[in-house]
Amino acid sequence: MKRLINGVNLNVLEQGSGALTLVFLHYFGGSALEWQAVMNQLADEYKCVAIDLRGCGDSDATETGYSVEDMADDVAALIQDLSIDQFVLVGHSMSGKVVLQLASRQPKGLRQLLLVSPSPPRPEPIPDKDRQEMLAGHGQRSAAEQTFEKITVRPVSDEVKEQIIADNLRTSTSAWNAWLTLGSKEDIADQMVSISVPAAIIVGSDDKALAPEVQPELTIPYLKNVTIETIEEAGHLLPWETPDELAAFIRKKIAG
C-alpha cells in the first residue's frame, strides 16, 4: 500500500491488529521487507506497520529530503495519516537514528523505543575509505554482493540473499549519497535529553557494519532509560538473520 506523505508516495506494509502498533523502519540500503518474518510472528498480538523510507524500497525517490529530521518528519506524518494512537518505534541501523530524532519530539502515543544495531545519535564511525568505496560502488552488483558478505554472519536462503542485494541496488542515488555524506555524520546527541520513554537496544555479537562497542560509547551515554542485549554469532541484519530471536526480544520488551 502507498500513502502520499509530505508529497512523496511511501510504501507501507501492514499486518495484524491490536491496540498497540509496532512501527518498523529499515537499515541503510534496505527495505520494509526485512521485517516480514518478524511481523509474521507478532501480527497475532499487535498491528504491525513497516515503512519504506523515501528513496528506498518501493517508495518514491526525491532529489532532497533525506536528513535525519526529514525522515523523522515522514514517519511522524505517516503515523498521523494512519491514525495510530499507541505505538512502539522499532528502528534498525540507519533508522535507529531516525527513531531517536522522532522520539526526542515526545510524540503523543509513543510508548517505547526498540533499537536494532542503531546508528548512534553521534556521527556514525564509518572509516573514510569505506565511505568512499560505498559511494563509488553504489548500483554495482559486485559491490552489493560484497556488502552482503560483510553485513551478514548467519546463513540465509538464496531468496533472502537476492532480496538483500536487490534492496541495495534499488536504493536511489539521492538517498544513498545523502546518508553517507550527511545523515550518518549528523550529531543529534543534544536532543536525546528530551526522550522520555524507555529504550532497548539489541546487537549482533559479530556485527562488522556497526561494531557492538559503538552502542556503549556513542548511544547509551545519551539515553536515560536504556538496556542492551546481544545475539551471539549474528551480524548486522538481525531481522533477516535471526527473526525468531528478534521477535522474542520485541515481545519480551513490550511485556515489560
Protein backbone atom coordinates (compact mmCIF):
# COMPACT_ATOMS: atom_id res chain seq x y z
CA MET A 1 0.00 0.00 0.00
CA LYS A 2 1.22 3.51 -0.78
CA ARG A 3 0.37 6.66 1.15
CA LEU A 4 1.05 10.20 -0.03
CA ILE A 5 3.12 11.72 2.79
CA ASN A 6 4.80 15.12 2.58
CA GLY A 7 4.42 15.00 -1.20
CA VAL A 8 6.04 11.56 -1.50
CA ASN A 9 4.39 8.19 -2.07
CA LEU A 10 5.67 5.99 0.74
CA ASN A 11 5.26 2.23 0.51
CA VAL A 12 3.82 0.69 3.67
CA LEU A 13 3.36 -2.94 4.71
CA GLU A 14 0.53 -3.51 7.20
CA GLN A 15 -0.28 -6.69 9.07
CA GLY A 16 -2.22 -7.76 12.15
CA SER A 17 -4.34 -5.77 14.56
CA GLY A 18 -4.34 -4.61 18.14
CA ALA A 19 -4.44 -1.57 20.39
CA LEU A 20 -0.66 -1.19 20.15
CA THR A 21 1.05 -0.59 16.78
CA LEU A 22 4.65 -1.57 16.10
CA VAL A 23 6.21 0.81 13.55
CA PHE A 24 9.19 -0.84 11.84
CA LEU A 25 11.92 1.08 9.99
CA HIS A 26 14.74 -0.41 7.94
CA TYR A 27 18.52 -0.18 7.59
CA PHE A 28 20.57 1.83 5.09
CA GLY A 29 20.21 0.16 1.69
CA GLY A 30 17.30 -1.97 2.89
CA SER A 31 13.52 -2.00 2.75
CA ALA A 32 10.46 -2.81 4.81
CA LEU A 33 10.66 -6.39 3.54
CA GLU A 34 13.37 -7.16 6.09
CA TRP A 35 10.65 -7.08 8.77
CA GLN A 36 8.23 -9.52 7.13
CA ALA A 37 9.37 -12.64 9.02
CA VAL A 38 9.32 -10.74 12.32
CA MET A 39 5.88 -9.26 11.66
CA ASN A 40 4.52 -12.71 10.81
CA GLN A 41 5.24 -13.73 14.39
CA LEU A 42 3.86 -10.61 16.07
CA ALA A 43 0.78 -9.81 13.99
CA ASP A 44 -1.45 -12.01 16.14
CA GLU A 45 -0.85 -9.64 19.07
CA TYR A 46 -0.11 -6.24 17.53
CA LYS A 47 -0.78 -4.14 14.50
CA CYS A 48 2.49 -4.08 12.53
CA VAL A 49 3.44 -1.32 10.10
CA ALA A 50 6.71 -1.39 8.15
CA ILE A 51 7.74 1.61 6.05
CA ASP A 52 9.99 2.03 3.03
CA LEU A 53 11.68 5.36 3.75
CA ARG A 54 11.76 7.80 0.83
CA GLY A 55 14.20 6.77 -1.87
CA CYS A 56 14.21 3.16 -0.63
CA GLY A 57 12.31 0.00 -1.48
CA ASP A 58 9.10 0.75 -3.35
CA SER A 59 8.77 4.35 -2.09
CA ASP A 60 9.25 7.31 -4.39
CA ALA A 61 12.64 8.98 -4.63
CA THR A 62 13.18 12.73 -4.44
CA GLU A 63 16.29 14.79 -5.01
CA THR A 64 16.24 16.17 -1.45
CA GLY A 65 14.61 15.40 1.89
CA TYR A 66 16.99 12.82 3.32
CA SER A 67 18.25 14.45 6.50
CA VAL A 68 17.55 12.61 9.75
CA GLU A 69 14.94 15.26 10.57
CA ASP A 70 13.33 14.92 7.12
CA MET A 71 12.99 11.15 7.52
CA ALA A 72 11.57 11.61 11.02
CA ASP A 73 9.07 14.11 9.57
CA ASP A 74 7.91 11.47 7.06
CA VAL A 75 7.44 8.84 9.76
CA ALA A 76 5.60 11.23 12.07
CA ALA A 77 3.26 12.31 9.27
CA LEU A 78 2.58 8.71 8.28
CA ILE A 79 1.74 7.75 11.87
CA GLN A 80 -0.76 10.61 11.93
CA ASP A 81 -2.12 9.69 8.49
CA LEU A 82 -2.76 6.11 9.65
CA SER A 83 -4.49 7.37 12.84
CA ILE A 84 -2.12 5.38 15.04
CA ASP A 85 -2.76 6.12 18.73
CA GLN A 86 -0.40 3.95 20.80
CA PHE A 87 2.84 2.82 19.22
CA VAL A 88 6.36 1.47 19.63
CA LEU A 89 9.10 2.60 17.24
CA VAL A 90 11.43 -0.15 16.03
CA GLY A 91 14.49 1.20 14.20
CA HIS A 92 17.30 -0.76 12.55
CA SER A 93 20.72 0.73 11.83
CA MET A 94 20.21 3.99 9.88
CA SER A 95 16.61 4.28 11.04
CA GLY A 96 17.66 3.88 14.65
CA LYS A 97 18.93 7.44 14.40
CA VAL A 98 15.63 8.48 12.79
CA VAL A 99 13.73 6.86 15.68
CA LEU A 100 15.86 8.73 18.23
CA GLN A 101 15.23 12.04 16.49
CA LEU A 102 11.48 11.43 16.34
CA ALA A 103 11.36 10.27 19.97
CA SER A 104 13.06 13.48 21.09
CA ARG A 105 9.92 15.33 19.93
CA GLN A 106 7.89 13.35 22.50
CA PRO A 107 5.13 12.40 20.04
CA LYS A 108 1.79 11.61 21.61
CA GLY A 109 1.18 7.89 21.96
CA LEU A 110 4.83 6.78 21.83
CA ARG A 111 5.41 4.06 24.41
CA GLN A 112 8.87 2.63 23.80
CA LEU A 113 11.91 2.51 21.50
CA LEU A 114 13.38 -0.76 20.27
CA LEU A 115 16.71 -0.21 18.51
CA VAL A 116 18.37 -2.91 16.41
CA SER A 117 22.08 -2.19 15.88
CA PRO A 118 21.17 1.50 15.69
CA SER A 119 23.14 4.28 14.10
CA PRO A 120 24.09 6.36 17.15
CA PRO A 121 23.00 9.93 17.87
CA ARG A 122 26.62 10.98 17.45
CA PRO A 123 28.28 10.83 13.98
CA GLU A 124 28.48 7.21 12.86
CA PRO A 125 32.09 5.93 12.88
CA ILE A 126 32.37 4.90 9.22
CA PRO A 127 36.01 4.86 8.06
CA ASP A 128 36.60 7.35 5.23
CA LYS A 129 37.89 4.56 2.97
CA ASP A 130 34.69 2.54 3.46
CA ARG A 131 32.55 5.62 2.92
CA GLN A 132 34.25 6.41 -0.39
CA GLU A 133 34.02 2.81 -1.56
CA MET A 134 30.29 2.72 -0.82
CA LEU A 135 29.74 5.99 -2.68
CA ALA A 136 31.71 4.80 -5.71
CA GLY A 137 30.24 1.30 -5.82
CA HIS A 138 26.53 2.02 -5.48
CA GLY A 139 24.47 0.46 -8.26
CA GLN A 140 27.06 -2.24 -8.99
CA ARG A 141 26.01 -5.80 -8.21
CA SER A 142 29.55 -6.79 -7.28
CA ALA A 143 29.63 -4.08 -4.63
CA ALA A 144 26.20 -5.10 -3.32
CA GLU A 145 27.38 -8.71 -3.07
CA GLN A 146 30.46 -7.62 -1.12
CA THR A 147 28.25 -5.63 1.22
CA PHE A 148 26.04 -8.65 1.76
CA GLU A 149 29.06 -10.74 2.75
CA LYS A 150 30.17 -8.07 5.21
CA ILE A 151 26.88 -7.39 6.95
CA THR A 152 25.57 -10.95 7.37
CA VAL A 153 27.04 -13.70 9.50
CA ARG A 154 24.36 -16.36 9.86
CA PRO A 155 23.34 -18.18 6.68
CA VAL A 156 20.20 -17.05 4.88
CA SER A 157 18.32 -18.59 1.97
CA ASP A 158 19.24 -17.78 -1.62
CA GLU A 159 15.91 -15.95 -1.91
CA VAL A 160 16.71 -13.73 1.08
CA LYS A 161 20.22 -13.07 -0.22
CA GLU A 162 18.80 -11.93 -3.56
CA GLN A 163 16.31 -9.63 -1.81
CA ILE A 164 19.06 -8.04 0.30
CA ILE A 165 21.12 -7.40 -2.85
CA ALA A 166 18.08 -6.13 -4.77
CA ASP A 167 17.18 -3.71 -1.96
CA ASN A 168 20.73 -2.35 -2.02
CA LEU A 169 20.65 -1.83 -5.77
CA ARG A 170 17.20 -0.19 -5.88
CA THR A 171 18.03 2.40 -3.21
CA SER A 172 18.01 5.74 -5.03
CA THR A 173 21.31 7.51 -5.58
CA SER A 174 19.95 10.57 -3.77
CA ALA A 175 19.07 8.57 -0.66
CA TRP A 176 22.31 6.58 -0.79
CA ASN A 177 24.61 9.58 -1.13
CA ALA A 178 22.71 11.69 1.38
CA TRP A 179 23.08 9.15 4.17
CA LEU A 180 26.79 8.58 3.56
CA THR A 181 27.73 12.25 3.16
CA LEU A 182 25.23 13.91 5.51
CA GLY A 183 22.83 11.83 7.60
CA SER A 184 25.34 9.41 9.08
CA LYS A 185 27.51 12.38 10.06
CA GLU A 186 24.75 14.29 11.84
CA ASP A 187 25.11 14.85 15.58
CA ILE A 188 21.76 14.88 17.38
CA ALA A 189 23.10 13.91 20.80
CA ASP A 190 21.94 17.16 22.41
CA GLN A 191 18.33 16.26 21.54
CA MET A 192 18.44 12.94 23.43
CA VAL A 193 17.74 14.59 26.79
CA SER A 194 14.16 15.11 25.60
CA ILE A 195 13.45 11.40 25.17
CA SER A 196 11.06 10.34 27.93
CA VAL A 197 10.25 6.71 27.02
CA PRO A 198 12.34 3.60 27.74
CA ALA A 199 14.66 2.23 25.06
CA ALA A 200 16.08 -1.23 24.47
CA ILE A 201 18.99 -2.00 22.16
CA ILE A 202 19.86 -5.36 20.61
CA VAL A 203 23.01 -6.07 18.59
CA GLY A 204 24.74 -8.96 16.85
CA SER A 205 27.98 -10.03 18.51
CA ASP A 206 29.79 -10.25 15.14
CA ASP A 207 28.38 -7.09 13.54
CA LYS A 208 31.04 -5.71 11.18
CA ALA A 209 28.98 -2.75 9.96
CA LEU A 210 28.28 -1.22 13.39
CA ALA A 211 30.50 -2.92 15.95
CA PRO A 212 28.72 -3.74 19.24
CA GLU A 213 31.04 -1.40 21.18
CA VAL A 214 29.56 1.58 19.28
CA GLN A 215 26.45 1.40 21.46
CA PRO A 216 28.03 1.82 24.93
CA GLU A 217 30.33 4.50 23.52
CA LEU A 218 28.03 6.60 21.31
CA THR A 219 24.39 5.73 22.12
CA ILE A 220 23.84 4.55 25.69
CA PRO A 221 25.50 7.57 27.41
CA TYR A 222 22.85 9.85 25.89
CA LEU A 223 19.77 7.88 26.94
CA LYS A 224 18.31 7.94 30.44
CA ASN A 225 16.44 4.64 30.46
CA VAL A 226 18.08 2.03 28.24
CA THR A 227 19.05 -1.64 28.23
CA ILE A 228 21.18 -3.62 25.77
CA GLU A 229 21.24 -7.28 24.74
CA THR A 230 23.36 -9.30 22.32
CA ILE A 231 22.53 -12.11 19.91
CA GLU A 232 25.60 -14.30 19.66
CA GLU A 233 27.15 -15.27 16.33
CA ALA A 234 24.99 -12.83 14.38
CA GLY A 235 25.80 -9.91 12.12
CA HIS A 236 24.20 -6.60 11.23
CA LEU A 237 20.99 -7.80 9.57
CA LEU A 238 19.21 -9.31 12.57
CA PRO A 239 15.70 -9.09 11.03
CA TRP A 240 16.91 -11.29 8.16
CA GLU A 241 19.41 -13.43 10.09
CA THR A 242 17.61 -14.01 13.40
CA PRO A 243 13.90 -13.19 13.02
CA ASP A 244 12.82 -15.65 15.73
CA GLU A 245 15.20 -14.22 18.35
CA LEU A 246 14.28 -10.69 17.36
CA ALA A 247 10.54 -11.33 17.59
CA ALA A 248 11.06 -12.87 21.03
CA PHE A 249 13.08 -9.81 22.11
CA ILE A 250 10.35 -7.43 20.94
CA ARG A 251 7.62 -9.44 22.64
CA LYS A 252 9.61 -9.57 25.89
CA LYS A 253 10.41 -5.87 25.96
CA ILE A 254 6.83 -4.82 25.27
CA ALA A 255 5.62 -7.14 28.03
CA GLY A 256 8.00 -5.32 30.36
